[in-house]
PDB file of N, CA and C in Angstrom:
ATOM      1  N   MET A   1     -11.713  -9.053   4.896  1.00  0.00           N
ATOM      2  CA  MET A   1     -11.405  -7.682   4.513  1.00  0.00           C
ATOM      3  C   MET A   1     -10.687  -7.659   3.171  1.00  0.00           C
ATOM      4  N   SER A   2     -10.879  -6.574   2.460  1.00  0.00           N
ATOM      5  CA  SER A   2     -10.212  -6.455   1.165  1.00  0.00           C
ATOM      6  C   SER A   2      -8.754  -6.060   1.359  1.00  0.00           C
ATOM      7  N   LEU A   3      -7.984  -6.348   0.376  1.00  0.00           N
ATOM      8  CA  LEU A   3      -6.549  -6.100   0.400  1.00  0.00           C
ATOM      9  C   LEU A   3      -6.280  -4.639   0.059  1.00  0.00           C
ATOM     10  N   SER A   4      -5.584  -3.922   0.954  1.00  0.00           N
ATOM     11  CA  SER A   4      -5.287  -2.514   0.689  1.00  0.00           C
ATOM     12  C   SER A   4      -4.207  -2.387  -0.372  1.00  0.00           C
ATOM     13  N   ARG A   5      -4.134  -1.231  -0.960  1.00  0.00           N
ATOM     14  CA  ARG A   5      -3.118  -0.968  -1.986  1.00  0.00           C
ATOM     15  C   ARG A   5      -1.722  -1.125  -1.407  1.00  0.00           C
ATOM     16  N   SER A   6      -1.501  -0.611  -0.194  1.00  0.00           N
ATOM     17  CA  SER A   6      -0.161  -0.690   0.398  1.00  0.00           C
ATOM     18  C   SER A   6       0.238  -2.135   0.686  1.00  0.00           C
ATOM     19  N   THR A   7      -0.714  -2.964   1.070  1.00  0.00           N
ATOM     20  CA  THR A   7      -0.406  -4.377   1.305  1.00  0.00           C
ATOM     21  C   THR A   7      -0.093  -5.075  -0.018  1.00  0.00           C
ATOM     22  N   LYS A   8      -0.817  -4.723  -1.072  1.00  0.00           N
ATOM     23  CA  LYS A   8      -0.532  -5.284  -2.397  1.00  0.00           C
ATOM     24  C   LYS A   8       0.879  -4.912  -2.846  1.00  0.00           C
ATOM     25  N   VAL A   9       1.235  -3.648  -2.656  1.00  0.00           N
ATOM     26  CA  VAL A   9       2.566  -3.182  -3.062  1.00  0.00           C
ATOM     27  C   VAL A   9       3.640  -3.910  -2.252  1.00  0.00           C
ATOM     28  N   LEU A  10       3.435  -4.029  -0.944  1.00  0.00           N
ATOM     29  CA  LEU A  10       4.405  -4.726  -0.105  1.00  0.00           C
ATOM     30  C   LEU A  10       4.548  -6.182  -0.535  1.00  0.00           C
ATOM     31  N   ALA A  11       3.450  -6.841  -0.811  1.00  0.00           N
ATOM     32  CA  ALA A  11       3.500  -8.232  -1.279  1.00  0.00           C
ATOM     33  C   ALA A  11       4.267  -8.318  -2.598  1.00  0.00           C
ATOM     34  N   GLY A  12       4.053  -7.361  -3.484  1.00  0.00           N
ATOM     35  CA  GLY A  12       4.780  -7.341  -4.751  1.00  0.00           C
ATOM     36  C   GLY A  12       6.272  -7.135  -4.562  1.00  0.00           C
ATOM     37  N   ILE A  13       6.624  -6.225  -3.661  1.00  0.00           N
ATOM     38  CA  ILE A  13       8.045  -5.986  -3.368  1.00  0.00           C
ATOM     39  C   ILE A  13       8.689  -7.263  -2.830  1.00  0.00           C
ATOM     40  N   PHE A  14       8.014  -7.920  -1.900  1.00  0.00           N
ATOM     41  CA  PHE A  14       8.553  -9.160  -1.338  1.00  0.00           C
ATOM     42  C   PHE A  14       8.667 -10.245  -2.408  1.00  0.00           C
ATOM     43  N   ALA A  15       7.690 -10.337  -3.296  1.00  0.00           N
ATOM     44  CA  ALA A  15       7.734 -11.362  -4.344  1.00  0.00           C
ATOM     45  C   ALA A  15       8.930 -11.140  -5.277  1.00  0.00           C
ATOM     46  N   VAL A  16       9.139  -9.900  -5.676  1.00  0.00           N
ATOM     47  CA  VAL A  16      10.262  -9.590  -6.570  1.00  0.00           C
ATOM     48  C   VAL A  16      11.590  -9.796  -5.847  1.00  0.00           C
ATOM     49  N   SER A  17      11.694  -9.238  -4.653  1.00  0.00           N
ATOM     50  CA  SER A  17      12.941  -9.348  -3.898  1.00  0.00           C
ATOM     51  C   SER A  17      13.270 -10.800  -3.566  1.00  0.00           C
ATOM     52  N   GLY A  18      12.273 -11.558  -3.155  1.00  0.00           N
ATOM     53  CA  GLY A  18      12.492 -12.968  -2.835  1.00  0.00           C
ATOM     54  C   GLY A  18      12.984 -13.745  -4.040  1.00  0.00           C
ATOM     55  N   THR A  19      12.417 -13.446  -5.191  1.00  0.00           N
ATOM     56  CA  THR A  19      12.840 -14.111  -6.427  1.00  0.00           C
ATOM     57  C   THR A  19      14.300 -13.768  -6.749  1.00  0.00           C
ATOM     58  N   ILE A  20      14.660 -12.511  -6.602  1.00  0.00           N
ATOM     59  CA  ILE A  20      16.040 -12.104  -6.868  1.00  0.00           C
ATOM     60  C   ILE A  20      17.001 -12.763  -5.875  1.00  0.00           C
ATOM     61  N   HIS A  21      16.602 -12.839  -4.596  1.00  0.00           N
ATOM     62  CA  HIS A  21      17.447 -13.504  -3.595  1.00  0.00           C
ATOM     63  C   HIS A  21      17.767 -14.939  -4.018  1.00  0.00           C
ATOM     64  N   LEU A  22      16.779 -15.633  -4.563  1.00  0.00           N
ATOM     65  CA  LEU A  22      16.977 -17.031  -4.956  1.00  0.00           C
ATOM     66  C   LEU A  22      17.693 -17.167  -6.298  1.00  0.00           C
ATOM     67  N   ALA A  23      17.407 -16.270  -7.232  1.00  0.00           N
ATOM     68  CA  ALA A  23      17.992 -16.370  -8.571  1.00  0.00           C
ATOM     69  C   ALA A  23      19.412 -15.815  -8.642  1.00  0.00           C
ATOM     70  N   LYS A  24      19.700 -14.791  -7.856  1.00  0.00           N
ATOM     71  CA  LYS A  24      21.010 -14.131  -7.903  1.00  0.00           C
ATOM     72  C   LYS A  24      21.510 -13.819  -6.488  1.00  0.00           C
ATOM     73  N   PRO A  25      21.743 -14.838  -5.682  1.00  0.00           N
ATOM     74  CA  PRO A  25      22.177 -14.585  -4.300  1.00  0.00           C
ATOM     75  C   PRO A  25      23.505 -13.843  -4.198  1.00  0.00           C
ATOM     76  N   ASP A  26      24.361 -13.968  -5.212  1.00  0.00           N
ATOM     77  CA  ASP A  26      25.652 -13.273  -5.181  1.00  0.00           C
ATOM     78  C   ASP A  26      25.480 -11.760  -5.099  1.00  0.00           C
ATOM     79  N   ALA A  27      24.378 -11.253  -5.624  1.00  0.00           N
ATOM     80  CA  ALA A  27      24.137  -9.810  -5.599  1.00  0.00           C
ATOM     81  C   ALA A  27      24.021  -9.275  -4.173  1.00  0.00           C
ATOM     82  N   TYR A  28      23.681 -10.141  -3.232  1.00  0.00           N
ATOM     83  CA  TYR A  28      23.483  -9.717  -1.846  1.00  0.00           C
ATOM     84  C   TYR A  28      24.687  -9.974  -0.948  1.00  0.00           C
ATOM     85  N   GLU A  29      25.639 -10.768  -1.429  1.00  0.00           N
ATOM     86  CA  GLU A  29      26.800 -11.126  -0.605  1.00  0.00           C
ATOM     87  C   GLU A  29      27.533  -9.888  -0.092  1.00  0.00           C
ATOM     88  N   GLN A  30      27.744  -8.909  -0.950  1.00  0.00           N
ATOM     89  CA  GLN A  30      28.546  -7.750  -0.580  1.00  0.00           C
ATOM     90  C   GLN A  30      27.899  -6.852   0.472  1.00  0.00           C
ATOM     91  N   ILE A  31      26.601  -6.946   0.657  1.00  0.00           N
ATOM     92  CA  ILE A  31      25.955  -6.074   1.646  1.00  0.00           C
ATOM     93  C   ILE A  31      25.731  -6.765   2.982  1.00  0.00           C
ATOM     94  N   MET A  32      26.119  -8.022   3.075  1.00  0.00           N
ATOM     95  CA  MET A  32      25.918  -8.761   4.328  1.00  0.00           C
ATOM     96  C   MET A  32      26.902  -8.277   5.386  1.00  0.00           C
ATOM     97  N   PRO A  33      26.397  -7.929   6.570  1.00  0.00           N
ATOM     98  CA  PRO A  33      27.317  -7.550   7.654  1.00  0.00           C
ATOM     99  C   PRO A  33      28.234  -8.733   7.995  1.00  0.00           C
ATOM    100  N   SER A  34      29.478  -8.439   8.328  1.00  0.00           N
ATOM    101  CA  SER A  34      30.458  -9.502   8.590  1.00  0.00           C
ATOM    102  C   SER A  34      30.066 -10.375   9.773  1.00  0.00           C
ATOM    103  N   TRP A  35      29.287  -9.835  10.706  1.00  0.00           N
ATOM    104  CA  TRP A  35      28.933 -10.606  11.901  1.00  0.00           C
ATOM    105  C   TRP A  35      27.811 -11.617  11.640  1.00  0.00           C
ATOM    106  N   VAL A  36      27.207 -11.566  10.452  1.00  0.00           N
ATOM    107  CA  VAL A  36      26.159 -12.537  10.114  1.00  0.00           C
ATOM    108  C   VAL A  36      26.834 -13.808   9.597  1.00  0.00           C
ATOM    109  N   PRO A  37      26.565 -14.953  10.218  1.00  0.00           N
ATOM    110  CA  PRO A  37      27.196 -16.193   9.755  1.00  0.00           C
ATOM    111  C   PRO A  37      26.498 -16.745   8.506  1.00  0.00           C
ATOM    112  N   ARG A  38      27.198 -17.571   7.779  1.00  0.00           N
ATOM    113  CA  ARG A  38      26.645 -18.327   6.647  1.00  0.00           C
ATOM    114  C   ARG A  38      25.830 -17.444   5.699  1.00  0.00           C
ATOM    115  N   HIS A  39      26.511 -16.505   5.109  1.00  0.00           N
ATOM    116  CA  HIS A  39      25.850 -15.515   4.250  1.00  0.00           C
ATOM    117  C   HIS A  39      24.926 -16.143   3.207  1.00  0.00           C
ATOM    118  N   ARG A  40      25.413 -17.103   2.461  1.00  0.00           N
ATOM    119  CA  ARG A  40      24.617 -17.687   1.375  1.00  0.00           C
ATOM    120  C   ARG A  40      23.309 -18.264   1.911  1.00  0.00           C
ATOM    121  N   GLU A  41      23.391 -18.997   3.010  1.00  0.00           N
ATOM    122  CA  GLU A  41      22.197 -19.623   3.582  1.00  0.00           C
ATOM    123  C   GLU A  41      21.199 -18.568   4.080  1.00  0.00           C
ATOM    124  N   VAL A  42      21.730 -17.503   4.667  1.00  0.00           N
ATOM    125  CA  VAL A  42      20.853 -16.426   5.147  1.00  0.00           C
ATOM    126  C   VAL A  42      20.174 -15.735   3.964  1.00  0.00           C
ATOM    127  N   ILE A  43      20.914 -15.502   2.904  1.00  0.00           N
ATOM    128  CA  ILE A  43      20.345 -14.858   1.710  1.00  0.00           C
ATOM    129  C   ILE A  43      19.243 -15.729   1.114  1.00  0.00           C
ATOM    130  N   LEU A  44      19.527 -17.008   0.943  1.00  0.00           N
ATOM    131  CA  LEU A  44      18.520 -17.912   0.376  1.00  0.00           C
ATOM    132  C   LEU A  44      17.310 -18.038   1.304  1.00  0.00           C
ATOM    133  N   GLY A  45      17.576 -18.129   2.598  1.00  0.00           N
ATOM    134  CA  GLY A  45      16.479 -18.227   3.565  1.00  0.00           C
ATOM    135  C   GLY A  45      15.612 -16.987   3.574  1.00  0.00           C
ATOM    136  N   SER A  46      16.247 -15.814   3.453  1.00  0.00           N
ATOM    137  CA  SER A  46      15.443 -14.589   3.432  1.00  0.00           C
ATOM    138  C   SER A  46      14.635 -14.501   2.141  1.00  0.00           C
ATOM    139  N   GLY A  47      15.164 -15.043   1.041  1.00  0.00           N
ATOM    140  CA  GLY A  47      14.388 -15.079  -0.203  1.00  0.00           C
ATOM    141  C   GLY A  47      13.153 -15.939  -0.069  1.00  0.00           C
ATOM    142  N   VAL A  48      13.318 -17.111   0.534  1.00  0.00           N
ATOM    143  CA  VAL A  48      12.168 -17.996   0.774  1.00  0.00           C
ATOM    144  C   VAL A  48      11.169 -17.307   1.702  1.00  0.00           C
ATOM    145  N   ALA A  49      11.696 -16.652   2.745  1.00  0.00           N
ATOM    146  CA  ALA A  49      10.812 -15.949   3.684  1.00  0.00           C
ATOM    147  C   ALA A  49      10.021 -14.847   2.977  1.00  0.00           C
ATOM    148  N   GLU A  50      10.685 -14.091   2.119  1.00  0.00           N
ATOM    149  CA  GLU A  50       9.992 -13.018   1.409  1.00  0.00           C
ATOM    150  C   GLU A  50       8.898 -13.560   0.497  1.00  0.00           C
ATOM    151  N   LEU A  51       9.170 -14.662  -0.179  1.00  0.00           N
ATOM    152  CA  LEU A  51       8.136 -15.262  -1.018  1.00  0.00           C
ATOM    153  C   LEU A  51       6.964 -15.765  -0.171  1.00  0.00           C
ATOM    154  N   GLY A  52       7.268 -16.354   0.968  1.00  0.00           N
ATOM    155  CA  GLY A  52       6.210 -16.801   1.877  1.00  0.00           C
ATOM    156  C   GLY A  52       5.395 -15.639   2.421  1.00  0.00           C
ATOM    157  N   LEU A  53       6.082 -14.550   2.743  1.00  0.00           N
ATOM    158  CA  LEU A  53       5.369 -13.366   3.242  1.00  0.00           C
ATOM    159  C   LEU A  53       4.486 -12.760   2.158  1.00  0.00           C
ATOM    160  N   ALA A  54       4.983 -12.724   0.937  1.00  0.00           N
ATOM    161  CA  ALA A  54       4.173 -12.194  -0.175  1.00  0.00           C
ATOM    162  C   ALA A  54       2.871 -12.980  -0.279  1.00  0.00           C
ATOM    163  N   ALA A  55       2.985 -14.305  -0.238  1.00  0.00           N
ATOM    164  CA  ALA A  55       1.780 -15.144  -0.316  1.00  0.00           C
ATOM    165  C   ALA A  55       0.897 -14.936   0.911  1.00  0.00           C
ATOM    166  N   GLY A  56       1.508 -14.858   2.077  1.00  0.00           N
ATOM    167  CA  GLY A  56       0.747 -14.681   3.312  1.00  0.00           C
ATOM    168  C   GLY A  56       0.017 -13.354   3.376  1.00  0.00           C
ATOM    169  N   LEU A  57       0.601 -12.323   2.806  1.00  0.00           N
ATOM    170  CA  LEU A  57      -0.033 -11.004   2.833  1.00  0.00           C
ATOM    171  C   LEU A  57      -1.281 -10.937   1.956  1.00  0.00           C
ATOM    172  N   VAL A  58      -1.316 -11.693   0.875  1.00  0.00           N
ATOM    173  CA  VAL A  58      -2.477 -11.617  -0.012  1.00  0.00           C
ATOM    174  C   VAL A  58      -3.619 -12.531   0.418  1.00  0.00           C
ATOM    175  N   ALA A  59      -3.333 -13.493   1.281  1.00  0.00           N
ATOM    176  CA  ALA A  59      -4.384 -14.410   1.745  1.00  0.00           C
ATOM    177  C   ALA A  59      -5.021 -13.851   3.016  1.00  0.00           C
ATOM    178  N   PRO A  60      -6.329 -13.627   3.009  1.00  0.00           N
ATOM    179  CA  PRO A  60      -6.988 -13.040   4.181  1.00  0.00           C
ATOM    180  C   PRO A  60      -6.749 -13.820   5.482  1.00  0.00           C
ATOM    181  N   GLN A  61      -6.678 -15.141   5.380  1.00  0.00           N
ATOM    182  CA  GLN A  61      -6.530 -15.980   6.570  1.00  0.00           C
ATOM    183  C   GLN A  61      -5.164 -15.802   7.245  1.00  0.00           C
ATOM    184  N   THR A  62      -4.156 -15.411   6.489  1.00  0.00           N
ATOM    185  CA  THR A  62      -2.797 -15.308   7.033  1.00  0.00           C
ATOM    186  C   THR A  62      -2.255 -13.884   7.026  1.00  0.00           C
ATOM    187  N   ARG A  63      -3.053 -12.934   6.607  1.00  0.00           N
ATOM    188  CA  ARG A  63      -2.565 -11.562   6.438  1.00  0.00           C
ATOM    189  C   ARG A  63      -2.034 -10.959   7.737  1.00  0.00           C
ATOM    190  N   LYS A  64      -2.750 -11.121   8.828  1.00  0.00           N
ATOM    191  CA  LYS A  64      -2.295 -10.522  10.091  1.00  0.00           C
ATOM    192  C   LYS A  64      -0.964 -11.113  10.545  1.00  0.00           C
ATOM    193  N   LEU A  65      -0.852 -12.422  10.514  1.00  0.00           N
ATOM    194  CA  LEU A  65       0.404 -13.072  10.906  1.00  0.00           C
ATOM    195  C   LEU A  65       1.529 -12.680   9.957  1.00  0.00           C
ATOM    196  N   ALA A  66       1.242 -12.643   8.667  1.00  0.00           N
ATOM    197  CA  ALA A  66       2.255 -12.243   7.685  1.00  0.00           C
ATOM    198  C   ALA A  66       2.665 -10.787   7.886  1.00  0.00           C
ATOM    199  N   GLY A  67       1.738  -9.961   8.339  1.00  0.00           N
ATOM    200  CA  GLY A  67       2.080  -8.566   8.642  1.00  0.00           C
ATOM    201  C   GLY A  67       3.101  -8.480   9.770  1.00  0.00           C
ATOM    202  N   TRP A  68       2.859  -9.217  10.846  1.00  0.00           N
ATOM    203  CA  TRP A  68       3.819  -9.220  11.968  1.00  0.00           C
ATOM    204  C   TRP A  68       5.158  -9.807  11.539  1.00  0.00           C
ATOM    205  N   ALA A  69       5.121 -10.878  10.765  1.00  0.00           N
ATOM    206  CA  ALA A  69       6.361 -11.489  10.285  1.00  0.00           C
ATOM    207  C   ALA A  69       7.087 -10.547   9.324  1.00  0.00           C
ATOM    208  N   SER A  70       6.344  -9.764   8.553  1.00  0.00           N
ATOM    209  CA  SER A  70       6.953  -8.783   7.650  1.00  0.00           C
ATOM    210  C   SER A  70       7.688  -7.712   8.436  1.00  0.00           C
ATOM    211  N   ILE A  71       7.088  -7.267   9.524  1.00  0.00           N
ATOM    212  CA  ILE A  71       7.749  -6.278  10.379  1.00  0.00           C
ATOM    213  C   ILE A  71       9.067  -6.854  10.901  1.00  0.00           C
ATOM    214  N   ALA A  72       9.033  -8.092  11.368  1.00  0.00           N
ATOM    215  CA  ALA A  72      10.246  -8.728  11.886  1.00  0.00           C
ATOM    216  C   ALA A  72      11.316  -8.838  10.800  1.00  0.00           C
ATOM    217  N   LEU A  73      10.922  -9.242   9.606  1.00  0.00           N
ATOM    218  CA  LEU A  73      11.885  -9.376   8.514  1.00  0.00           C
ATOM    219  C   LEU A  73      12.478  -8.020   8.141  1.00  0.00           C
ATOM    220  N   LEU A  74      11.638  -7.006   8.011  1.00  0.00           N
ATOM    221  CA  LEU A  74      12.132  -5.678   7.636  1.00  0.00           C
ATOM    222  C   LEU A  74      13.103  -5.125   8.668  1.00  0.00           C
ATOM    223  N   LEU A  75      12.811  -5.336   9.936  1.00  0.00           N
ATOM    224  CA  LEU A  75      13.734  -4.883  10.980  1.00  0.00           C
ATOM    225  C   LEU A  75      15.005  -5.724  10.970  1.00  0.00           C
ATOM    226  N   GLY A  76      14.882  -6.995  10.644  1.00  0.00           N
ATOM    227  CA  GLY A  76      16.033  -7.883  10.612  1.00  0.00           C
ATOM    228  C   GLY A  76      17.014  -7.581   9.490  1.00  0.00           C
ATOM    229  N   VAL A  77      16.519  -7.121   8.348  1.00  0.00           N
ATOM    230  CA  VAL A  77      17.411  -6.827   7.223  1.00  0.00           C
ATOM    231  C   VAL A  77      17.910  -5.383   7.230  1.00  0.00           C
ATOM    232  N   TYR A  78      17.399  -4.577   8.130  1.00  0.00           N
ATOM    233  CA  TYR A  78      17.803  -3.174   8.157  1.00  0.00           C
ATOM    234  C   TYR A  78      19.312  -2.995   8.353  1.00  0.00           C
ATOM    235  N   PRO A  79      19.973  -3.806   9.205  1.00  0.00           N
ATOM    236  CA  PRO A  79      21.437  -3.647   9.334  1.00  0.00           C
ATOM    237  C   PRO A  79      22.177  -3.839   8.000  1.00  0.00           C
ATOM    238  N   ALA A  80      21.729  -4.741   7.163  1.00  0.00           N
ATOM    239  CA  ALA A  80      22.363  -4.923   5.853  1.00  0.00           C
ATOM    240  C   ALA A  80      22.155  -3.682   4.989  1.00  0.00           C
ATOM    241  N   ASN A  81      20.987  -3.069   5.089  1.00  0.00           N
ATOM    242  CA  ASN A  81      20.729  -1.853   4.323  1.00  0.00           C
ATOM    243  C   ASN A  81      21.589  -0.697   4.817  1.00  0.00           C
ATOM    244  N   VAL A  82      21.783  -0.602   6.129  1.00  0.00           N
ATOM    245  CA  VAL A  82      22.653   0.437   6.691  1.00  0.00           C
ATOM    246  C   VAL A  82      24.085   0.202   6.228  1.00  0.00           C
ATOM    247  N   LYS A  83      24.541  -1.055   6.278  1.00  0.00           N
ATOM    248  CA  LYS A  83      25.908  -1.377   5.825  1.00  0.00           C
ATOM    249  C   LYS A  83      26.084  -0.989   4.369  1.00  0.00           C
ATOM    250  N   MET A  84      25.090  -1.291   3.554  1.00  0.00           N
ATOM    251  CA  MET A  84      25.169  -0.955   2.139  1.00  0.00           C
ATOM    252  C   MET A  84      25.281   0.564   1.958  1.00  0.00           C
ATOM    253  N   ALA A  85      24.527   1.330   2.732  1.00  0.00           N
ATOM    254  CA  ALA A  85      24.583   2.795   2.638  1.00  0.00           C
ATOM    255  C   ALA A  85      25.952   3.319   3.069  1.00  0.00           C
ATOM    256  N   VAL A  86      26.480   2.776   4.154  1.00  0.00           N
ATOM    257  CA  VAL A  86      27.802   3.195   4.626  1.00  0.00           C
ATOM    258  C   VAL A  86      28.865   2.843   3.590  1.00  0.00           C
ATOM    259  N   ASP A  87      28.815   1.626   3.075  1.00  0.00           N
ATOM    260  CA  ASP A  87      29.776   1.195   2.059  1.00  0.00           C
ATOM    261  C   ASP A  87      29.701   2.055   0.801  1.00  0.00           C
ATOM    262  N   SER A  88      28.513   2.518   0.483  1.00  0.00           N
ATOM    263  CA  SER A  88      28.346   3.303  -0.741  1.00  0.00           C
ATOM    264  C   SER A  88      29.082   4.637  -0.673  1.00  0.00           C
ATOM    265  N   THR A  89      29.319   5.119   0.530  1.00  0.00           N
ATOM    266  CA  THR A  89      30.023   6.403   0.657  1.00  0.00           C
ATOM    267  C   THR A  89      31.506   6.260   0.311  1.00  0.00           C
ATOM    268  N   LYS A  90      31.987   5.039   0.190  1.00  0.00           N
ATOM    269  CA  LYS A  90      33.401   4.791  -0.120  1.00  0.00           C
ATOM    270  C   LYS A  90      33.626   4.569  -1.616  1.00  0.00           C
ATOM    271  N   THR A  91      32.615   4.789  -2.419  1.00  0.00           N
ATOM    272  CA  THR A  91      32.726   4.574  -3.861  1.00  0.00           C
ATOM    273  C   THR A  91      32.388   5.860  -4.604  1.00  0.00           C
ATOM    274  N   ARG A  92      32.825   5.914  -5.837  1.00  0.00           N
ATOM    275  CA  ARG A  92      32.490   7.061  -6.693  1.00  0.00           C
ATOM    276  C   ARG A  92      31.235   6.799  -7.522  1.00  0.00           C
ATOM    277  N   ASN A  93      30.674   5.619  -7.389  1.00  0.00           N
ATOM    278  CA  ASN A  93      29.499   5.226  -8.162  1.00  0.00           C
ATOM    279  C   ASN A  93      28.265   5.926  -7.577  1.00  0.00           C
ATOM    280  N   THR A  94      27.871   7.023  -8.181  1.00  0.00           N
ATOM    281  CA  THR A  94      26.757   7.808  -7.639  1.00  0.00           C
ATOM    282  C   THR A  94      25.428   7.070  -7.725  1.00  0.00           C
ATOM    283  N   GLY A  95      25.265   6.216  -8.728  1.00  0.00           N
ATOM    284  CA  GLY A  95      24.039   5.423  -8.828  1.00  0.00           C
ATOM    285  C   GLY A  95      23.898   4.477  -7.658  1.00  0.00           C
ATOM    286  N   PHE A  96      24.997   3.795  -7.313  1.00  0.00           N
ATOM    287  CA  PHE A  96      24.998   2.895  -6.165  1.00  0.00           C
ATOM    288  C   PHE A  96      24.721   3.667  -4.881  1.00  0.00           C
ATOM    289  N   LYS A  97      25.352   4.835  -4.737  1.00  0.00           N
ATOM    290  CA  LYS A  97      25.111   5.670  -3.554  1.00  0.00           C
ATOM    291  C   LYS A  97      23.633   6.044  -3.447  1.00  0.00           C
ATOM    292  N   ALA A  98      23.059   6.466  -4.552  1.00  0.00           N
ATOM    293  CA  ALA A  98      21.661   6.898  -4.542  1.00  0.00           C
ATOM    294  C   ALA A  98      20.738   5.761  -4.130  1.00  0.00           C
ATOM    295  N   VAL A  99      20.961   4.582  -4.685  1.00  0.00           N
ATOM    296  CA  VAL A  99      20.123   3.427  -4.349  1.00  0.00           C
ATOM    297  C   VAL A  99      20.338   3.022  -2.898  1.00  0.00           C
ATOM    298  N   ALA A 100      21.604   2.931  -2.496  1.00  0.00           N
ATOM    299  CA  ALA A 100      21.932   2.456  -1.144  1.00  0.00           C
ATOM    300  C   ALA A 100      21.390   3.386  -0.065  1.00  0.00           C
ATOM    301  N   ILE A 101      21.553   4.652  -0.258  1.00  0.00           N
ATOM    302  CA  ILE A 101      21.092   5.619   0.748  1.00  0.00           C
ATOM    303  C   ILE A 101      19.582   5.828   0.618  1.00  0.00           C
ATOM    304  N   GLY A 102      19.096   5.834  -0.603  1.00  0.00           N
ATOM    305  CA  GLY A 102      17.668   6.052  -0.838  1.00  0.00           C
ATOM    306  C   GLY A 102      16.770   4.955  -0.303  1.00  0.00           C
ATOM    307  N   ARG A 103      17.289   3.735  -0.188  1.00  0.00           N
ATOM    308  CA  ARG A 103      16.429   2.651   0.282  1.00  0.00           C
ATOM    309  C   ARG A 103      16.214   2.678   1.785  1.00  0.00           C
ATOM    310  N   LEU A 104      17.068   3.393   2.528  1.00  0.00           N
ATOM    311  CA  LEU A 104      16.877   3.448   3.985  1.00  0.00           C
ATOM    312  C   LEU A 104      15.536   4.070   4.374  1.00  0.00           C
ATOM    313  N   PRO A 105      15.185   5.245   3.867  1.00  0.00           N
ATOM    314  CA  PRO A 105      13.880   5.801   4.247  1.00  0.00           C
ATOM    315  C   PRO A 105      12.707   5.030   3.658  1.00  0.00           C
ATOM    316  N   LEU A 106      12.934   4.241   2.612  1.00  0.00           N
ATOM    317  CA  LEU A 106      11.843   3.462   2.015  1.00  0.00           C
ATOM    318  C   LEU A 106      11.389   2.323   2.935  1.00  0.00           C
ATOM    319  N   GLN A 107      12.232   1.968   3.907  1.00  0.00           N
ATOM    320  CA  GLN A 107      11.840   0.928   4.862  1.00  0.00           C
ATOM    321  C   GLN A 107      10.625   1.373   5.679  1.00  0.00           C
ATOM    322  N   TRP A 108      10.518   2.660   5.954  1.00  0.00           N
ATOM    323  CA  TRP A 108       9.432   3.139   6.819  1.00  0.00           C
ATOM    324  C   TRP A 108       8.049   2.943   6.210  1.00  0.00           C
ATOM    325  N   PRO A 109       7.820   3.294   4.936  1.00  0.00           N
ATOM    326  CA  PRO A 109       6.498   2.997   4.374  1.00  0.00           C
ATOM    327  C   PRO A 109       6.224   1.495   4.279  1.00  0.00           C
ATOM    328  N   MET A 110       7.290   0.708   4.095  1.00  0.00           N
ATOM    329  CA  MET A 110       7.103  -0.742   4.060  1.00  0.00           C
ATOM    330  C   MET A 110       6.683  -1.243   5.445  1.00  0.00           C
ATOM    331  N   LEU A 111       7.305  -0.708   6.481  1.00  0.00           N
ATOM    332  CA  LEU A 111       6.905  -1.078   7.846  1.00  0.00           C
ATOM    333  C   LEU A 111       5.466  -0.647   8.125  1.00  0.00           C
ATOM    334  N   LYS A 112       5.106   0.535   7.641  1.00  0.00           N
ATOM    335  CA  LYS A 112       3.734   1.021   7.828  1.00  0.00           C
ATOM    336  C   LYS A 112       2.739   0.108   7.127  1.00  0.00           C
ATOM    337  N   ALA A 113       3.076  -0.335   5.918  1.00  0.00           N
ATOM    338  CA  ALA A 113       2.199  -1.247   5.180  1.00  0.00           C
ATOM    339  C   ALA A 113       2.094  -2.583   5.905  1.00  0.00           C
ATOM    340  N   ALA A 114       3.223  -3.059   6.432  1.00  0.00           N
ATOM    341  CA  ALA A 114       3.211  -4.325   7.178  1.00  0.00           C
ATOM    342  C   ALA A 114       2.337  -4.204   8.418  1.00  0.00           C
ATOM    343  N   TYR A 115       2.433  -3.071   9.101  1.00  0.00           N
ATOM    344  CA  TYR A 115       1.598  -2.863  10.280  1.00  0.00           C
ATOM    345  C   TYR A 115       0.111  -2.818   9.887  1.00  0.00           C
ATOM    346  N   GLY A 116      -0.176  -2.181   8.754  1.00  0.00           N
ATOM    347  CA  GLY A 116      -1.549  -2.162   8.258  1.00  0.00           C
ATOM    348  C   GLY A 116      -2.073  -3.569   8.025  1.00  0.00           C
ATOM    349  N   ALA A 117      -1.213  -4.435   7.519  1.00  0.00           N
ATOM    350  CA  ALA A 117      -1.627  -5.826   7.289  1.00  0.00           C
ATOM    351  C   ALA A 117      -1.950  -6.545   8.604  1.00  0.00           C
ATOM    352  N   THR A 118      -1.289  -6.151   9.695  1.00  0.00           N
ATOM    353  CA  THR A 118      -1.601  -6.770  10.997  1.00  0.00           C
ATOM    354  C   THR A 118      -3.024  -6.432  11.431  1.00  0.00           C
ATOM    355  N   ARG A 119      -3.562  -5.385  10.870  1.00  0.00           N
ATOM    356  CA  ARG A 119      -4.940  -4.979  11.169  1.00  0.00           C
ATOM    357  C   ARG A 119      -5.909  -5.521  10.123  1.00  0.00           C
ATOM    358  N   GLY A 120      -5.392  -6.364   9.218  1.00  0.00           N
ATOM    359  CA  GLY A 120      -6.243  -6.985   8.212  1.00  0.00           C
ATOM    360  C   GLY A 120      -6.428  -6.176   6.951  1.00  0.00           C
ATOM    361  N   GLU A 121      -5.646  -5.133   6.777  1.00  0.00           N
ATOM    362  CA  GLU A 121      -5.798  -4.264   5.582  1.00  0.00           C
ATOM    363  C   GLU A 121      -5.199  -4.926   4.354  1.00  0.00           C
TER     364      GLU A 121
END
């Protein structure tokens, strides 16, 4: 099956995000929930996972599995996104607030794209 536009976009998002996780892990330290152990290792591991998912989504042979794994990853990082949104309400930085709160609803189209990939799209 051909690669859908939404799967291409999701793969691109994962590729960029995974690269940033590996190149600048400190940027993610502040949004990690306190109950998550070994923040640095989790950040680096999620970067590797995102890069692997990006590759898996574009390859027809692994697209369905990568779609399911993408759903798991997106649900797994959602608590960090919620924490970031909550933390943003304690700052006067409106740009940070906009990004932090704005990314919560963006998870839903990403989940939809990941689900589409499970169907081979």
